[in-house]
């Protein structure tokens, strides 16, 4: 049975795909500035995007980035409310990957903007 994504062909589906395509870059960018725990990254993404970019979870992307050696667990601390917080940091390989992601993103977004500006509605 062929199941299709119910969001496919919708603005919501496009937003979800955009987030999947950019979330690793945003995580690496944040970690290039300081070590952070996951909830802190979620909050920073929402605040720095002025509420335009919201994510429910980052764990799938965190696990992928760890698997490929782009980030690593740096520290564990117990918070005041007794939650274990795992702090992550970017690796040297992560810095290289981040640069490639930013270069590709900038190149593609310039191309998209050029197309949209050439055919205004």
PDB file of N, CA and C in Angstrom:
ATOM      1  N   UNK A   1       0.842  -1.178   0.000  1.00  0.00           N
ATOM      2  CA  UNK A   1       0.000   0.000   0.000  1.00  0.00           C
ATOM      3  C   UNK A   1       0.885   1.239   0.000  1.00  0.00           C
ATOM      4  N   UNK A   2       0.620   2.156  -0.884  1.00  0.00           N
ATOM      5  CA  UNK A   2       1.411   3.374  -1.000  1.00  0.00           C
ATOM      6  C   UNK A   2       0.827   4.455  -0.109  1.00  0.00           C
ATOM      7  N   UNK A   3       1.543   4.797   0.936  1.00  0.00           N
ATOM      8  CA  UNK A   3       1.083   5.855   1.822  1.00  0.00           C
ATOM      9  C   UNK A   3       1.779   7.147   1.433  1.00  0.00           C
ATOM     10  N   UNK A   4       0.998   8.209   1.379  1.00  0.00           N
ATOM     11  CA  UNK A   4       1.579   9.505   1.076  1.00  0.00           C
ATOM     12  C   UNK A   4       1.526  10.374   2.315  1.00  0.00           C
ATOM     13  N   UNK A   5       2.389  11.343   2.349  1.00  0.00           N
ATOM     14  CA  UNK A   5       2.416  12.285   3.454  1.00  0.00           C
ATOM     15  C   UNK A   5       1.191  13.183   3.349  1.00  0.00           C
ATOM     16  N   UNK A   6       0.313  13.191   4.374  1.00  0.00           N
ATOM     17  CA  UNK A   6      -0.893  14.018   4.283  1.00  0.00           C
ATOM     18  C   UNK A   6      -0.579  15.509   4.185  1.00  0.00           C
ATOM     19  N   UNK A   7       0.622  15.908   4.549  1.00  0.00           N
ATOM     20  CA  UNK A   7       1.009  17.315   4.465  1.00  0.00           C
ATOM     21  C   UNK A   7       1.608  17.663   3.107  1.00  0.00           C
ATOM     22  N   UNK A   8       1.910  16.655   2.308  1.00  0.00           N
ATOM     23  CA  UNK A   8       2.528  16.892   1.011  1.00  0.00           C
ATOM     24  C   UNK A   8       1.624  17.779   0.162  1.00  0.00           C
ATOM     25  N   UNK A   9       2.219  18.769  -0.475  1.00  0.00           N
ATOM     26  CA  UNK A   9       1.445  19.682  -1.306  1.00  0.00           C
ATOM     27  C   UNK A   9       0.785  20.803  -0.537  1.00  0.00           C
ATOM     28  N   UNK A  10       1.146  20.941   0.736  1.00  0.00           N
ATOM     29  CA  UNK A  10       0.578  22.010   1.560  1.00  0.00           C
ATOM     30  C   UNK A  10       1.689  22.920   2.057  1.00  0.00           C
ATOM     31  N   UNK A  11       1.302  24.116   2.481  1.00  0.00           N
ATOM     32  CA  UNK A  11       2.280  25.047   3.049  1.00  0.00           C
ATOM     33  C   UNK A  11       2.901  24.451   4.310  1.00  0.00           C
ATOM     34  N   UNK A  12       2.099  23.737   5.084  1.00  0.00           N
ATOM     35  CA  UNK A  12       2.615  23.097   6.300  1.00  0.00           C
ATOM     36  C   UNK A  12       3.671  22.053   5.960  1.00  0.00           C
ATOM     37  N   UNK A  13       3.430  21.285   4.910  1.00  0.00           N
ATOM     38  CA  UNK A  13       4.406  20.295   4.464  1.00  0.00           C
ATOM     39  C   UNK A  13       5.698  20.945   4.009  1.00  0.00           C
ATOM     40  N   UNK A  14       5.574  22.066   3.296  1.00  0.00           N
ATOM     41  CA  UNK A  14       6.765  22.788   2.843  1.00  0.00           C
ATOM     42  C   UNK A  14       7.561  23.300   4.041  1.00  0.00           C
ATOM     43  N   UNK A  15       6.866  23.838   5.052  1.00  0.00           N
ATOM     44  CA  UNK A  15       7.547  24.320   6.269  1.00  0.00           C
ATOM     45  C   UNK A  15       8.282  23.181   6.965  1.00  0.00           C
ATOM     46  N   UNK A  16       7.619  22.032   7.083  1.00  0.00           N
ATOM     47  CA  UNK A  16       8.253  20.873   7.727  1.00  0.00           C
ATOM     48  C   UNK A  16       9.512  20.448   6.981  1.00  0.00           C
ATOM     49  N   UNK A  17       9.434  20.403   5.663  1.00  0.00           N
ATOM     50  CA  UNK A  17      10.602  20.026   4.858  1.00  0.00           C
ATOM     51  C   UNK A  17      11.720  21.056   4.977  1.00  0.00           C
ATOM     52  N   UNK A  18      11.368  22.329   5.021  1.00  0.00           N
ATOM     53  CA  UNK A  18      12.371  23.383   5.178  1.00  0.00           C
ATOM     54  C   UNK A  18      13.087  23.233   6.519  1.00  0.00           C
ATOM     55  N   UNK A  19      12.324  22.970   7.560  1.00  0.00           N
ATOM     56  CA  UNK A  19      12.929  22.792   8.883  1.00  0.00           C
ATOM     57  C   UNK A  19      13.862  21.587   8.903  1.00  0.00           C
ATOM     58  N   UNK A  20      13.427  20.490   8.304  1.00  0.00           N
ATOM     59  CA  UNK A  20      14.283  19.298   8.255  1.00  0.00           C
ATOM     60  C   UNK A  20      15.582  19.591   7.516  1.00  0.00           C
ATOM     61  N   UNK A  21      15.495  20.442   6.503  1.00  0.00           N
ATOM     62  CA  UNK A  21      16.674  20.754   5.695  1.00  0.00           C
ATOM     63  C   UNK A  21      17.611  21.750   6.368  1.00  0.00           C
ATOM     64  N   UNK A  22      17.121  22.495   7.344  1.00  0.00           N
ATOM     65  CA  UNK A  22      17.949  23.551   7.945  1.00  0.00           C
ATOM     66  C   UNK A  22      18.279  23.347   9.419  1.00  0.00           C
ATOM     67  N   UNK A  23      17.608  22.434  10.092  1.00  0.00           N
ATOM     68  CA  UNK A  23      17.769  22.316  11.539  1.00  0.00           C
ATOM     69  C   UNK A  23      19.193  21.935  11.946  1.00  0.00           C
ATOM     70  N   UNK A  24      19.858  21.077  11.184  1.00  0.00           N
ATOM     71  CA  UNK A  24      21.232  20.703  11.538  1.00  0.00           C
ATOM     72  C   UNK A  24      22.150  21.920  11.472  1.00  0.00           C
ATOM     73  N   UNK A  25      21.954  22.757  10.458  1.00  0.00           N
ATOM     74  CA  UNK A  25      22.767  23.961  10.325  1.00  0.00           C
ATOM     75  C   UNK A  25      22.547  24.886  11.527  1.00  0.00           C
ATOM     76  N   UNK A  26      21.310  25.037  11.960  1.00  0.00           N
ATOM     77  CA  UNK A  26      21.019  25.914  13.090  1.00  0.00           C
ATOM     78  C   UNK A  26      21.609  25.372  14.388  1.00  0.00           C
ATOM     79  N   UNK A  27      21.507  24.071  14.604  1.00  0.00           N
ATOM     80  CA  UNK A  27      22.103  23.460  15.799  1.00  0.00           C
ATOM     81  C   UNK A  27      23.606  23.696  15.807  1.00  0.00           C
ATOM     82  N   UNK A  28      24.259  23.411  14.698  1.00  0.00           N
ATOM     83  CA  UNK A  28      25.710  23.596  14.622  1.00  0.00           C
ATOM     84  C   UNK A  28      26.091  25.055  14.807  1.00  0.00           C
ATOM     85  N   UNK A  29      25.297  25.950  14.238  1.00  0.00           N
ATOM     86  CA  UNK A  29      25.579  27.383  14.394  1.00  0.00           C
ATOM     87  C   UNK A  29      25.517  27.782  15.872  1.00  0.00           C
ATOM     88  N   UNK A  30      24.478  27.361  16.566  1.00  0.00           N
ATOM     89  CA  UNK A  30      24.358  27.682  17.991  1.00  0.00           C
ATOM     90  C   UNK A  30      25.514  27.096  18.787  1.00  0.00           C
ATOM     91  N   UNK A  31      25.860  25.847  18.488  1.00  0.00           N
ATOM     92  CA  UNK A  31      26.941  25.192  19.230  1.00  0.00           C
ATOM     93  C   UNK A  31      28.308  25.758  18.871  1.00  0.00           C
ATOM     94  N   UNK A  32      28.417  26.451  17.747  1.00  0.00           N
ATOM     95  CA  UNK A  32      29.698  27.078  17.408  1.00  0.00           C
ATOM     96  C   UNK A  32      29.956  28.284  18.303  1.00  0.00           C
ATOM     97  N   UNK A  33      28.911  28.764  18.970  1.00  0.00           N
ATOM     98  CA  UNK A  33      29.042  29.907  19.869  1.00  0.00           C
ATOM     99  C   UNK A  33      29.268  29.488  21.320  1.00  0.00           C
ATOM    100  N   UNK A  34      28.634  28.365  21.739  1.00  0.00           N
ATOM    101  CA  UNK A  34      28.785  27.900  23.126  1.00  0.00           C
ATOM    102  C   UNK A  34      28.200  26.503  23.260  1.00  0.00           C
ATOM    103  N   UNK A  35      28.576  25.806  24.333  1.00  0.00           N
ATOM    104  CA  UNK A  35      27.963  24.512  24.620  1.00  0.00           C
ATOM    105  C   UNK A  35      26.540  24.771  25.110  1.00  0.00           C
ATOM    106  N   UNK A  36      25.645  23.861  24.758  1.00  0.00           N
ATOM    107  CA  UNK A  36      24.240  24.053  25.111  1.00  0.00           C
ATOM    108  C   UNK A  36      23.572  22.705  25.342  1.00  0.00           C
ATOM    109  N   UNK A  37      22.450  22.734  26.062  1.00  0.00           N
ATOM    110  CA  UNK A  37      21.606  21.552  26.175  1.00  0.00           C
ATOM    111  C   UNK A  37      20.422  21.728  25.222  1.00  0.00           C
ATOM    112  N   UNK A  38      19.722  20.647  24.933  1.00  0.00           N
ATOM    113  CA  UNK A  38      18.738  20.641  23.850  1.00  0.00           C
ATOM    114  C   UNK A  38      17.625  21.669  24.057  1.00  0.00           C
ATOM    115  N   UNK A  39      17.034  21.718  25.238  1.00  0.00           N
ATOM    116  CA  UNK A  39      15.929  22.659  25.449  1.00  0.00           C
ATOM    117  C   UNK A  39      16.399  24.102  25.273  1.00  0.00           C
ATOM    118  N   UNK A  40      17.622  24.379  25.669  1.00  0.00           N
ATOM    119  CA  UNK A  40      18.200  25.709  25.489  1.00  0.00           C
ATOM    120  C   UNK A  40      18.297  26.044  23.993  1.00  0.00           C
ATOM    121  N   UNK A  41      18.672  25.064  23.176  1.00  0.00           N
ATOM    122  CA  UNK A  41      18.742  25.280  21.726  1.00  0.00           C
ATOM    123  C   UNK A  41      17.358  25.558  21.157  1.00  0.00           C
ATOM    124  N   UNK A  42      16.356  24.799  21.595  1.00  0.00           N
ATOM    125  CA  UNK A  42      14.983  25.003  21.118  1.00  0.00           C
ATOM    126  C   UNK A  42      14.533  26.423  21.435  1.00  0.00           C
ATOM    127  N   UNK A  43      14.793  26.865  22.653  1.00  0.00           N
ATOM    128  CA  UNK A  43      14.413  28.217  23.054  1.00  0.00           C
ATOM    129  C   UNK A  43      15.152  29.268  22.234  1.00  0.00           C
ATOM    130  N   UNK A  44      16.448  29.105  22.063  1.00  0.00           N
ATOM    131  CA  UNK A  44      17.235  30.077  21.300  1.00  0.00           C
ATOM    132  C   UNK A  44      16.778  30.163  19.847  1.00  0.00           C
ATOM    133  N   UNK A  45      16.471  29.027  19.245  1.00  0.00           N
ATOM    134  CA  UNK A  45      15.991  29.036  17.857  1.00  0.00           C
ATOM    135  C   UNK A  45      14.703  29.848  17.759  1.00  0.00           C
ATOM    136  N   UNK A  46      13.792  29.636  18.682  1.00  0.00           N
ATOM    137  CA  UNK A  46      12.530  30.378  18.645  1.00  0.00           C
ATOM    138  C   UNK A  46      12.750  31.866  18.915  1.00  0.00           C
ATOM    139  N   UNK A  47      13.568  32.188  19.898  1.00  0.00           N
ATOM    140  CA  UNK A  47      13.817  33.594  20.242  1.00  0.00           C
ATOM    141  C   UNK A  47      14.564  34.315  19.126  1.00  0.00           C
ATOM    142  N   UNK A  48      15.650  33.718  18.651  1.00  0.00           N
ATOM    143  CA  UNK A  48      16.464  34.377  17.624  1.00  0.00           C
ATOM    144  C   UNK A  48      15.724  34.512  16.294  1.00  0.00           C
ATOM    145  N   UNK A  49      14.764  33.618  16.030  1.00  0.00           N
ATOM    146  CA  UNK A  49      13.975  33.713  14.796  1.00  0.00           C
ATOM    147  C   UNK A  49      12.742  34.596  14.986  1.00  0.00           C
ATOM    148  N   UNK A  50      12.623  35.181  16.168  1.00  0.00           N
ATOM    149  CA  UNK A  50      11.472  36.022  16.517  1.00  0.00           C
ATOM    150  C   UNK A  50      10.153  35.255  16.382  1.00  0.00           C
ATOM    151  N   UNK A  51      10.208  33.972  16.729  1.00  0.00           N
ATOM    152  CA  UNK A  51       9.015  33.135  16.727  1.00  0.00           C
ATOM    153  C   UNK A  51       8.650  32.533  15.384  1.00  0.00           C
ATOM    154  N   UNK A  52       9.423  32.817  14.342  1.00  0.00           N
ATOM    155  CA  UNK A  52       9.107  32.302  13.009  1.00  0.00           C
ATOM    156  C   UNK A  52       9.542  30.854  12.816  1.00  0.00           C
ATOM    157  N   UNK A  53      10.477  30.385  13.611  1.00  0.00           N
ATOM    158  CA  UNK A  53      11.027  29.033  13.453  1.00  0.00           C
ATOM    159  C   UNK A  53      10.850  28.324  14.788  1.00  0.00           C
ATOM    160  N   UNK A  54       9.867  27.436  14.850  1.00  0.00           N
ATOM    161  CA  UNK A  54       9.584  26.696  16.082  1.00  0.00           C
ATOM    162  C   UNK A  54       9.777  25.213  15.822  1.00  0.00           C
ATOM    163  N   UNK A  55      10.396  24.535  16.777  1.00  0.00           N
ATOM    164  CA  UNK A  55      10.572  23.087  16.684  1.00  0.00           C
ATOM    165  C   UNK A  55      10.111  22.450  17.986  1.00  0.00           C
ATOM    166  N   UNK A  56       9.490  21.294  17.865  1.00  0.00           N
ATOM    167  CA  UNK A  56       9.028  20.573  19.050  1.00  0.00           C
ATOM    168  C   UNK A  56      10.166  19.784  19.680  1.00  0.00           C
ATOM    169  N   UNK A  57      11.029  19.225  18.843  1.00  0.00           N
ATOM    170  CA  UNK A  57      12.151  18.431  19.345  1.00  0.00           C
ATOM    171  C   UNK A  57      13.338  18.555  18.400  1.00  0.00           C
ATOM    172  N   UNK A  58      14.505  18.412  18.955  1.00  0.00           N
ATOM    173  CA  UNK A  58      15.732  18.423  18.155  1.00  0.00           C
ATOM    174  C   UNK A  58      16.452  17.082  18.231  1.00  0.00           C
ATOM    175  N   UNK A  59      15.921  16.161  19.019  1.00  0.00           N
ATOM    176  CA  UNK A  59      16.658  14.925  19.277  1.00  0.00           C
ATOM    177  C   UNK A  59      17.017  14.120  18.027  1.00  0.00           C
ATOM    178  N   UNK A  60      16.134  13.954  17.045  1.00  0.00           N
ATOM    179  CA  UNK A  60      16.567  13.208  15.849  1.00  0.00           C
ATOM    180  C   UNK A  60      17.784  13.846  15.172  1.00  0.00           C
ATOM    181  N   UNK A  61      17.786  15.163  15.066  1.00  0.00           N
ATOM    182  CA  UNK A  61      18.929  15.861  14.452  1.00  0.00           C
ATOM    183  C   UNK A  61      20.163  15.766  15.343  1.00  0.00           C
ATOM    184  N   UNK A  62      19.986  15.877  16.644  1.00  0.00           N
ATOM    185  CA  UNK A  62      21.109  15.755  17.586  1.00  0.00           C
ATOM    186  C   UNK A  62      21.755  14.380  17.432  1.00  0.00           C
ATOM    187  N   UNK A  63      20.936  13.337  17.401  1.00  0.00           N
ATOM    188  CA  UNK A  63      21.477  11.978  17.276  1.00  0.00           C
ATOM    189  C   UNK A  63      22.205  11.782  15.949  1.00  0.00           C
ATOM    190  N   UNK A  64      21.651  12.350  14.861  1.00  0.00           N
ATOM    191  CA  UNK A  64      22.328  12.257  13.552  1.00  0.00           C
ATOM    192  C   UNK A  64      23.676  12.965  13.592  1.00  0.00           C
ATOM    193  N   UNK A  65      23.698  14.168  14.137  1.00  0.00           N
ATOM    194  CA  UNK A  65      24.945  14.936  14.202  1.00  0.00           C
ATOM    195  C   UNK A  65      25.981  14.228  15.069  1.00  0.00           C
ATOM    196  N   UNK A  66      25.541  13.602  16.149  1.00  0.00           N
ATOM    197  CA  UNK A  66      26.453  12.820  16.995  1.00  0.00           C
ATOM    198  C   UNK A  66      26.986  11.612  16.238  1.00  0.00           C
ATOM    199  N   UNK A  67      26.090  10.919  15.551  1.00  0.00           N
ATOM    200  CA  UNK A  67      26.461   9.708  14.817  1.00  0.00           C
ATOM    201  C   UNK A  67      27.577   9.992  13.814  1.00  0.00           C
ATOM    202  N   UNK A  68      27.525  11.137  13.155  1.00  0.00           N
ATOM    203  CA  UNK A  68      28.519  11.479  12.139  1.00  0.00           C
ATOM    204  C   UNK A  68      29.723  12.232  12.710  1.00  0.00           C
ATOM    205  N   UNK A  69      29.739  12.425  14.032  1.00  0.00           N
ATOM    206  CA  UNK A  69      30.889  13.049  14.673  1.00  0.00           C
ATOM    207  C   UNK A  69      30.944  14.561  14.562  1.00  0.00           C
ATOM    208  N   UNK A  70      29.801  15.201  14.268  1.00  0.00           N
ATOM    209  CA  UNK A  70      29.777  16.655  14.127  1.00  0.00           C
ATOM    210  C   UNK A  70      29.561  17.371  15.459  1.00  0.00           C
ATOM    211  N   UNK A  71      28.960  16.667  16.413  1.00  0.00           N
ATOM    212  CA  UNK A  71      28.825  17.189  17.772  1.00  0.00           C
ATOM    213  C   UNK A  71      29.130  16.056  18.739  1.00  0.00           C
ATOM    214  N   UNK A  72      29.389  16.442  19.984  1.00  0.00           N
ATOM    215  CA  UNK A  72      29.631  15.437  21.014  1.00  0.00           C
ATOM    216  C   UNK A  72      29.068  15.927  22.336  1.00  0.00           C
ATOM    217  N   UNK A  73      28.725  14.964  23.172  1.00  0.00           N
ATOM    218  CA  UNK A  73      28.275  15.313  24.513  1.00  0.00           C
ATOM    219  C   UNK A  73      29.486  15.828  25.272  1.00  0.00           C
ATOM    220  N   UNK A  74      29.318  16.975  25.891  1.00  0.00           N
ATOM    221  CA  UNK A  74      30.437  17.626  26.564  1.00  0.00           C
ATOM    222  C   UNK A  74      30.348  17.494  28.081  1.00  0.00           C
ATOM    223  N   UNK A  75      29.139  17.560  28.606  1.00  0.00           N
ATOM    224  CA  UNK A  75      28.978  17.592  30.055  1.00  0.00           C
ATOM    225  C   UNK A  75      27.553  17.164  30.399  1.00  0.00           C
ATOM    226  N   UNK A  76      27.376  16.737  31.633  1.00  0.00           N
ATOM    227  CA  UNK A  76      26.053  16.433  32.163  1.00  0.00           C
ATOM    228  C   UNK A  76      25.930  17.169  33.482  1.00  0.00           C
ATOM    229  N   UNK A  77      24.793  17.818  33.669  1.00  0.00           N
ATOM    230  CA  UNK A  77      24.539  18.517  34.926  1.00  0.00           C
ATOM    231  C   UNK A  77      23.101  18.277  35.336  1.00  0.00           C
ATOM    232  N   UNK A  78      22.880  18.221  36.633  1.00  0.00           N
ATOM    233  CA  UNK A  78      21.526  18.107  37.156  1.00  0.00           C
ATOM    234  C   UNK A  78      21.033  19.517  37.443  1.00  0.00           C
ATOM    235  N   UNK A  79      19.866  19.847  36.888  1.00  0.00           N
ATOM    236  CA  UNK A  79      19.305  21.184  37.066  1.00  0.00           C
ATOM    237  C   UNK A  79      18.646  21.293  38.437  1.00  0.00           C
ATOM    238  N   UNK A  80      18.186  22.501  38.754  1.00  0.00           N
ATOM    239  CA  UNK A  80      17.531  22.731  40.039  1.00  0.00           C
ATOM    240  C   UNK A  80      16.264  21.892  40.191  1.00  0.00           C
ATOM    241  N   UNK A  81      15.616  21.572  39.064  1.00  0.00           N
ATOM    242  CA  UNK A  81      14.406  20.752  39.131  1.00  0.00           C
ATOM    243  C   UNK A  81      14.715  19.262  38.930  1.00  0.00           C
ATOM    244  N   UNK A  82      15.965  18.892  39.189  1.00  0.00           N
ATOM    245  CA  UNK A  82      16.447  17.504  39.147  1.00  0.00           C
ATOM    246  C   UNK A  82      16.380  16.840  37.773  1.00  0.00           C
ATOM    247  N   UNK A  83      16.455  17.627  36.720  1.00  0.00           N
ATOM    248  CA  UNK A  83      16.527  17.069  35.366  1.00  0.00           C
ATOM    249  C   UNK A  83      17.986  16.984  34.953  1.00  0.00           C
ATOM    250  N   UNK A  84      18.306  15.885  34.309  1.00  0.00           N
ATOM    251  CA  UNK A  84      19.664  15.725  33.803  1.00  0.00           C
ATOM    252  C   UNK A  84      19.773  16.466  32.479  1.00  0.00           C
ATOM    253  N   UNK A  85      20.683  17.401  32.414  1.00  0.00           N
ATOM    254  CA  UNK A  85      20.904  18.157  31.185  1.00  0.00           C
ATOM    255  C   UNK A  85      22.216  17.709  30.563  1.00  0.00           C
ATOM    256  N   UNK A  86      22.118  17.291  29.316  1.00  0.00           N
ATOM    257  CA  UNK A  86      23.304  16.902  28.554  1.00  0.00           C
ATOM    258  C   UNK A  86      23.708  18.091  27.694  1.00  0.00           C
ATOM    259  N   UNK A  87      24.921  18.535  27.894  1.00  0.00           N
ATOM    260  CA  UNK A  87      25.439  19.662  27.121  1.00  0.00           C
ATOM    261  C   UNK A  87      26.227  19.128  25.932  1.00  0.00           C
ATOM    262  N   UNK A  88      26.024  19.769  24.795  1.00  0.00           N
ATOM    263  CA  UNK A  88      26.681  19.356  23.558  1.00  0.00           C
ATOM    264  C   UNK A  88      27.606  20.457  23.072  1.00  0.00           C
ATOM    265  N   UNK A  89      28.629  20.030  22.325  1.00  0.00           N
ATOM    266  CA  UNK A  89      29.529  20.994  21.688  1.00  0.00           C
ATOM    267  C   UNK A  89      29.847  20.510  20.280  1.00  0.00           C
ATOM    268  N   UNK A  90      30.229  21.449  19.449  1.00  0.00           N
ATOM    269  CA  UNK A  90      30.569  21.152  18.066  1.00  0.00           C
ATOM    270  C   UNK A  90      32.006  20.632  18.010  1.00  0.00           C
ATOM    271  N   UNK A  91      32.269  19.719  17.095  1.00  0.00           N
ATOM    272  CA  UNK A  91      33.620  19.181  16.906  1.00  0.00           C
ATOM    273  C   UNK A  91      34.291  19.913  15.739  1.00  0.00           C
ATOM    274  N   UNK A  92      35.563  19.618  15.517  1.00  0.00           N
ATOM    275  CA  UNK A  92      36.260  20.201  14.364  1.00  0.00           C
ATOM    276  C   UNK A  92      35.566  19.802  13.064  1.00  0.00           C
ATOM    277  N   UNK A  93      35.161  18.539  12.962  1.00  0.00           N
ATOM    278  CA  UNK A  93      34.436  18.080  11.770  1.00  0.00           C
ATOM    279  C   UNK A  93      33.106  18.817  11.638  1.00  0.00           C
ATOM    280  N   UNK A  94      32.489  19.129  12.765  1.00  0.00           N
ATOM    281  CA  UNK A  94      31.235  19.878  12.756  1.00  0.00           C
ATOM    282  C   UNK A  94      31.410  21.285  12.223  1.00  0.00           C
ATOM    283  N   UNK A  95      32.542  21.909  12.550  1.00  0.00           N
ATOM    284  CA  UNK A  95      32.826  23.256  12.018  1.00  0.00           C
ATOM    285  C   UNK A  95      32.957  23.210  10.500  1.00  0.00           C
ATOM    286  N   UNK A  96      33.622  22.191   9.994  1.00  0.00           N
ATOM    287  CA  UNK A  96      33.785  22.034   8.538  1.00  0.00           C
ATOM    288  C   UNK A  96      32.414  21.815   7.886  1.00  0.00           C
ATOM    289  N   UNK A  97      31.612  20.941   8.484  1.00  0.00           N
ATOM    290  CA  UNK A  97      30.275  20.651   7.961  1.00  0.00           C
ATOM    291  C   UNK A  97      29.395  21.898   8.008  1.00  0.00           C
ATOM    292  N   UNK A  98      29.473  22.659   9.102  1.00  0.00           N
ATOM    293  CA  UNK A  98      28.689  23.890   9.233  1.00  0.00           C
ATOM    294  C   UNK A  98      29.029  24.873   8.123  1.00  0.00           C
ATOM    295  N   UNK A  99      30.301  25.042   7.833  1.00  0.00           N
ATOM    296  CA  UNK A  99      30.699  25.956   6.758  1.00  0.00           C
ATOM    297  C   UNK A  99      30.107  25.508   5.428  1.00  0.00           C
ATOM    298  N   UNK A 100      30.162  24.209   5.151  1.00  0.00           N
ATOM    299  CA  UNK A 100      29.594  23.679   3.903  1.00  0.00           C
ATOM    300  C   UNK A 100      28.081  23.902   3.856  1.00  0.00           C
ATOM    301  N   UNK A 101      27.401  23.659   4.977  1.00  0.00           N
ATOM    302  CA  UNK A 101      25.954  23.868   5.025  1.00  0.00           C
ATOM    303  C   UNK A 101      25.601  25.329   4.787  1.00  0.00           C
ATOM    304  N   UNK A 102      26.320  26.242   5.441  1.00  0.00           N
ATOM    305  CA  UNK A 102      26.053  27.674   5.267  1.00  0.00           C
ATOM    306  C   UNK A 102      26.318  28.111   3.831  1.00  0.00           C
ATOM    307  N   UNK A 103      27.411  27.645   3.257  1.00  0.00           N
ATOM    308  CA  UNK A 103      27.727  27.995   1.866  1.00  0.00           C
ATOM    309  C   UNK A 103      26.621  27.514   0.931  1.00  0.00           C
ATOM    310  N   UNK A 104      26.194  26.264   1.095  1.00  0.00           N
ATOM    311  CA  UNK A 104      25.130  25.715   0.249  1.00  0.00           C
ATOM    312  C   UNK A 104      23.814  26.458   0.460  1.00  0.00           C
ATOM    313  N   UNK A 105      23.483  26.728   1.716  1.00  0.00           N
ATOM    314  CA  UNK A 105      22.242  27.445   2.020  1.00  0.00           C
ATOM    315  C   UNK A 105      22.250  28.828   1.371  1.00  0.00           C
ATOM    316  N   UNK A 106      23.342  29.565   1.543  1.00  0.00           N
ATOM    317  CA  UNK A 106      23.423  30.912   0.963  1.00  0.00           C
ATOM    318  C   UNK A 106      23.334  30.866  -0.557  1.00  0.00           C
ATOM    319  N   UNK A 107      24.011  29.916  -1.165  1.00  0.00           N
ATOM    320  CA  UNK A 107      23.989  29.772  -2.624  1.00  0.00           C
ATOM    321  C   UNK A 107      22.567  29.473  -3.121  1.00  0.00           C
ATOM    322  N   UNK A 108      21.916  28.508  -2.485  1.00  0.00           N
ATOM    323  CA  UNK A 108      20.564  28.134  -2.903  1.00  0.00           C
ATOM    324  C   UNK A 108      19.552  29.243  -2.634  1.00  0.00           C
ATOM    325  N   UNK A 109      19.653  29.895  -1.474  1.00  0.00           N
ATOM    326  CA  UNK A 109      18.673  30.937  -1.155  1.00  0.00           C
ATOM    327  C   UNK A 109      18.826  32.134  -2.092  1.00  0.00           C
ATOM    328  N   UNK A 110      20.061  32.449  -2.502  1.00  0.00           N
ATOM    329  CA  UNK A 110      20.254  33.522  -3.488  1.00  0.00           C
ATOM    330  C   UNK A 110      19.603  33.147  -4.813  1.00  0.00           C
ATOM    331  N   UNK A 111      19.748  31.905  -5.206  1.00  0.00           N
ATOM    332  CA  UNK A 111      19.120  31.444  -6.442  1.00  0.00           C
ATOM    333  C   UNK A 111      17.609  31.523  -6.382  1.00  0.00           C
ATOM    334  N   UNK A 112      17.034  31.087  -5.265  1.00  0.00           N
ATOM    335  CA  UNK A 112      15.581  31.139  -5.097  1.00  0.00           C
ATOM    336  C   UNK A 112      15.110  32.588  -5.122  1.00  0.00           C
ATOM    337  N   UNK A 113      15.805  33.469  -4.400  1.00  0.00           N
ATOM    338  CA  UNK A 113      15.431  34.887  -4.382  1.00  0.00           C
ATOM    339  C   UNK A 113      15.504  35.499  -5.775  1.00  0.00           C
ATOM    340  N   UNK A 114      16.509  35.142  -6.539  1.00  0.00           N
ATOM    341  CA  UNK A 114      16.629  35.656  -7.910  1.00  0.00           C
ATOM    342  C   UNK A 114      15.433  35.244  -8.752  1.00  0.00           C
ATOM    343  N   UNK A 115      15.030  33.994  -8.613  1.00  0.00           N
ATOM    344  CA  UNK A 115      13.873  33.507  -9.374  1.00  0.00           C
ATOM    345  C   UNK A 115      12.601  34.230  -8.944  1.00  0.00           C
ATOM    346  N   UNK A 116      12.392  34.352  -7.631  1.00  0.00           N
ATOM    347  CA  UNK A 116      11.174  34.996  -7.137  1.00  0.00           C
ATOM    348  C   UNK A 116      11.113  36.466  -7.536  1.00  0.00           C
ATOM    349  N   UNK A 117      12.242  37.147  -7.544  1.00  0.00           N
ATOM    350  CA  UNK A 117      12.276  38.562  -7.929  1.00  0.00           C
ATOM    351  C   UNK A 117      12.075  38.744  -9.431  1.00  0.00           C
ATOM    352  N   UNK A 118      12.466  37.764 -10.223  1.00  0.00           N
ATOM    353  CA  UNK A 118      12.351  37.899 -11.676  1.00  0.00           C
ATOM    354  C   UNK A 118      10.916  37.696 -12.165  1.00  0.00           C
ATOM    355  N   UNK A 119      10.096  37.070 -11.358  1.00  0.00           N
ATOM    356  CA  UNK A 119       8.699  36.830 -11.730  1.00  0.00           C
ATOM    357  C   UNK A 119       7.784  37.245 -10.576  1.00  0.00           C
ATOM    358  N   UNK A 120       7.711  38.550 -10.287  1.00  0.00           N
ATOM    359  CA  UNK A 120       6.868  38.985  -9.162  1.00  0.00           C
ATOM    360  C   UNK A 120       5.386  38.771  -9.467  1.00  0.00           C
ATOM    361  N   UNK A 121       4.630  38.589  -8.413  1.00  0.00           N
ATOM    362  CA  UNK A 121       3.183  38.406  -8.599  1.00  0.00           C
ATOM    363  C   UNK A 121       2.441  39.612  -8.110  1.00  0.00           C
TER     364      UNK A 121
END
